[in-house]
Each structure stands twice: as C-alpha cells, then as structure tokens.
Amino acid sequence: MKNKALIGCLALALFVTGACSSANTNTTTNNANSNANRNANTAASPANANTATAPANTAPDRAAATEGAQDFMLHNKTGVVINKLFVSPSDKDDWQEDILGQDTLANDQSVEIKFNPKEKAAKWDLKVEDTQGNSIEWHDLNLMEISEVTLHYENGKGTAEVK
C-alpha cells in the first residue's frame, strides 16, 4: 500500500503550485492540473500537461516548497496516445491511480510529473497504457538522477531514453 501520510503534504504542494502558476488558457493543461488535485493521494502528479518545457519558478523558496527531487518531464514519442500513466515506488507491488485522470498524452506531447517534496524514494516504476489497453512498464528508474524520460515504441518494443 502506498504511503498515505503524504496525502496532506501533496495536497498542500498542489495547492501552492496551482496558486503560483501563471494563467493558461490551454484547457488540456487546466484539466491536467484539476486531475492532479483529484489524485492527491498519489506521490506524483502531472503539473502542466502538453508542455515542451517545465514552468519556471521565479522565487527560489517557492520552488523548494513545491518541487520534489524526483520531478521529471515525460515525453511521448511512442506514436500512440497514452491513455493512462502510473508511477509507483519500485519497492511497492501496486500501481494505484492513473495520474493522468481523464486526460491523455498524445504522441509528440510532454507532461511534467511533480512529486511531493517530502517523498524520499529514489527508484520508481513507470507504466503507460494506450487507448486499446496495451501497456508497457519500465522498472527501477532512479528519478533522483533523471530529469527527462522519452518513451519510444518501435518494432513491437518499448524503450525509454533518460537524461
């Protein structure tokens, strides 16, 4: 079972992130932010869906209060729409909730995944599922050392390029 003690801290971090982010008329981004609030019981959530770069925090203390060391940008280069996204500590046996909620991540789009600042786990598993229910998993990603994950799918095989 996931660490439920993080629920309150994650909700607070999401509230601060939402209050500090600039106005955006992109409805997909706004839906992703509302889904992040609905999924407040997970350690990770999407910050700004379908963006090519991470939003800049101008105040250093604000960044420290809302960013987890495991935050990363996920790029979809699979050629298919990602319908569901799951991120789980590698030492856990369950995936919990889809952190995209009702949103999807189209091919050639990106989403920033934000973690609770109090989250301590370094190694994480990642699972994506397309609209047909096909899924691919990656295990033991050290998100303390990774800032970007680009997913590819060619010749029946899923790969992840990390930076």
Protein backbone atom coordinates (compact mmCIF):
# COMPACT_ATOMS: atom_id res chain seq x y z
CA MET A 1 0.00 0.00 0.00
CA LYS A 2 1.29 3.47 -0.88
CA ASN A 3 2.41 5.85 1.83
CA LYS A 4 -0.81 7.61 2.82
CA ALA A 5 0.98 10.07 5.10
CA LEU A 6 1.91 12.09 2.03
CA ILE A 7 -1.71 12.95 1.17
CA GLY A 8 -1.88 16.19 3.14
CA CYS A 9 1.54 17.39 2.03
CA LEU A 10 0.82 16.58 -1.60
CA ALA A 11 -2.50 18.41 -1.49
CA LEU A 12 -0.79 21.46 0.01
CA ALA A 13 2.00 21.33 -2.58
CA LEU A 14 -0.54 21.05 -5.39
CA PHE A 15 -2.50 23.99 -3.97
CA VAL A 16 0.65 26.13 -3.77
CA THR A 17 1.69 25.07 -7.28
CA GLY A 18 -1.75 25.92 -8.67
CA ALA A 19 -1.83 29.28 -6.90
CA CYS A 20 1.66 30.21 -8.08
CA SER A 21 1.37 29.13 -11.70
CA SER A 22 0.58 31.69 -14.37
CA ALA A 23 -2.81 31.85 -16.09
CA ASN A 24 -3.09 29.45 -19.02
CA THR A 25 -5.98 29.14 -21.44
CA ASN A 26 -4.95 25.67 -22.63
CA THR A 27 -7.86 23.51 -21.47
CA THR A 28 -5.80 20.34 -21.59
CA THR A 29 -3.33 21.87 -19.15
CA ASN A 30 -6.12 23.06 -16.90
CA ASN A 31 -7.68 19.57 -16.96
CA ALA A 32 -4.33 18.03 -16.03
CA ASN A 33 -4.00 20.41 -13.08
CA SER A 34 -7.52 19.58 -11.89
CA ASN A 35 -6.74 15.86 -12.24
CA ALA A 36 -3.62 16.39 -10.14
CA ASN A 37 -5.87 17.76 -7.39
CA ARG A 38 -8.26 14.78 -7.73
CA ASN A 39 -5.32 12.37 -7.47
CA ALA A 40 -3.89 13.97 -4.33
CA ASN A 41 -3.42 10.56 -2.70
CA THR A 42 -0.57 9.68 -5.05
CA ALA A 43 3.07 10.63 -4.62
CA ALA A 44 3.29 12.02 -8.17
CA SER A 45 1.01 14.06 -10.37
CA PRO A 46 1.15 15.89 -13.67
CA ALA A 47 1.99 19.58 -13.35
CA ASN A 48 1.39 21.13 -16.76
CA ALA A 49 0.32 18.65 -19.42
CA ASN A 50 1.34 19.01 -23.04
CA THR A 51 4.20 21.42 -22.48
CA ALA A 52 7.62 21.14 -24.03
CA THR A 53 9.43 22.71 -21.07
CA ALA A 54 8.92 22.92 -17.36
CA PRO A 55 7.36 26.08 -15.95
CA ALA A 56 9.87 28.41 -14.32
CA ASN A 57 9.55 29.27 -10.66
CA THR A 58 10.97 32.70 -10.05
CA ALA A 59 11.20 32.56 -6.28
CA PRO A 60 13.75 30.00 -5.01
CA ASP A 61 11.83 29.39 -1.78
CA ARG A 62 8.66 28.69 -3.76
CA ALA A 63 10.50 26.15 -5.92
CA ALA A 64 11.90 24.39 -2.87
CA ALA A 65 8.46 24.21 -1.29
CA THR A 66 6.72 22.64 -4.29
CA GLU A 67 9.30 20.54 -6.12
CA GLY A 68 10.32 17.02 -5.30
CA ALA A 69 13.77 15.70 -6.10
CA GLN A 70 12.11 13.08 -8.33
CA ASP A 71 10.32 15.58 -10.62
CA PHE A 72 10.77 14.77 -14.30
CA MET A 73 9.50 15.62 -17.77
CA LEU A 74 7.86 12.75 -19.68
CA HIS A 75 7.94 12.93 -23.50
CA ASN A 76 5.65 10.69 -25.56
CA LYS A 77 7.40 9.62 -28.76
CA THR A 78 5.63 6.26 -28.99
CA GLY A 79 3.45 7.02 -32.00
CA VAL A 80 0.29 6.37 -29.96
CA VAL A 81 -1.83 8.24 -27.43
CA ILE A 82 -1.01 7.40 -23.82
CA ASN A 83 -4.36 6.92 -22.12
CA LYS A 84 -3.11 6.07 -18.63
CA LEU A 85 0.09 6.77 -16.72
CA PHE A 86 1.13 5.11 -13.48
CA VAL A 87 4.19 5.90 -11.34
CA SER A 88 4.97 3.77 -8.31
CA PRO A 89 7.95 3.30 -5.99
CA SER A 90 9.91 0.25 -7.14
CA ASP A 91 9.55 -1.43 -3.75
CA LYS A 92 5.73 -1.41 -3.95
CA ASP A 93 3.51 -4.00 -5.63
CA ASP A 94 0.60 -1.82 -6.74
CA TRP A 95 0.15 0.98 -9.26
CA GLN A 96 -2.67 2.88 -7.51
CA GLU A 97 -4.44 5.50 -9.65
CA ASP A 98 -3.81 6.74 -13.16
CA ILE A 99 -2.13 10.13 -12.63
CA LEU A 100 -3.43 11.49 -15.94
CA GLY A 101 -7.01 11.04 -14.72
CA GLN A 102 -9.36 11.75 -17.61
CA ASP A 103 -6.61 13.39 -19.70
CA THR A 104 -4.44 11.69 -22.29
CA LEU A 105 -0.92 12.36 -23.57
CA ALA A 106 -0.81 12.47 -27.36
CA ASN A 107 2.21 11.45 -29.39
CA ASP A 108 4.84 14.24 -29.53
CA GLN A 109 3.47 15.85 -26.36
CA SER A 110 5.02 16.09 -22.92
CA VAL A 111 3.94 16.36 -19.32
CA GLU A 112 5.91 17.38 -16.25
CA ILE A 113 5.48 14.93 -13.39
CA LYS A 114 5.76 16.58 -9.98
CA PHE A 115 6.41 14.78 -6.70
CA ASN A 116 5.68 15.71 -3.16
CA PRO A 117 8.78 17.44 -1.75
CA LYS A 118 8.76 15.04 1.22
CA GLU A 119 8.88 11.93 -0.99
CA LYS A 120 12.10 10.01 -0.27
CA ALA A 121 12.04 7.04 -2.68
CA ALA A 122 14.67 7.27 -5.43
CA LYS A 123 13.75 4.29 -7.64
CA TRP A 124 10.39 4.28 -9.38
CA ASP A 125 8.48 2.13 -11.85
CA LEU A 126 6.58 3.65 -14.77
CA LYS A 127 3.66 2.12 -16.64
CA VAL A 128 1.84 3.55 -19.65
CA GLU A 129 -1.30 2.24 -21.29
CA ASP A 130 -2.68 3.16 -24.72
CA THR A 131 -6.35 3.57 -25.64
CA GLN A 132 -6.52 -0.12 -26.64
CA GLY A 133 -5.39 -1.26 -23.18
CA ASN A 134 -1.87 -2.30 -24.26
CA SER A 135 0.69 -1.46 -21.60
CA ILE A 136 4.45 -1.15 -21.23
CA GLU A 137 6.39 -0.97 -17.97
CA TRP A 138 9.81 0.33 -17.02
CA HIS A 139 11.34 -0.58 -13.66
CA ASP A 140 13.92 0.85 -11.26
CA LEU A 141 14.19 4.33 -12.79
CA ASN A 142 16.37 6.38 -10.42
CA LEU A 143 14.39 9.62 -10.52
CA MET A 144 16.90 11.33 -8.23
CA GLU A 145 19.27 11.26 -11.23
CA ILE A 146 16.80 11.51 -14.13
CA SER A 147 15.15 14.77 -15.23
CA GLU A 148 13.65 13.62 -18.56
CA VAL A 149 12.17 10.36 -19.82
CA THR A 150 11.38 9.98 -23.51
CA LEU A 151 9.26 6.95 -24.38
CA HIS A 152 9.65 5.25 -27.77
CA TYR A 153 7.88 2.30 -29.37
CA GLU A 154 9.28 0.61 -32.47
CA ASN A 155 9.07 -2.90 -33.90
CA GLY A 156 6.90 -4.11 -31.04
CA LYS A 157 9.29 -2.94 -28.35
CA GLY A 158 9.00 -0.06 -25.89
CA THR A 159 12.15 1.78 -24.86
CA ALA A 160 12.85 4.73 -22.59
CA GLU A 161 15.59 7.28 -23.20
CA VAL A 162 16.61 9.05 -19.98
CA LYS A 163 18.59 12.21 -19.27
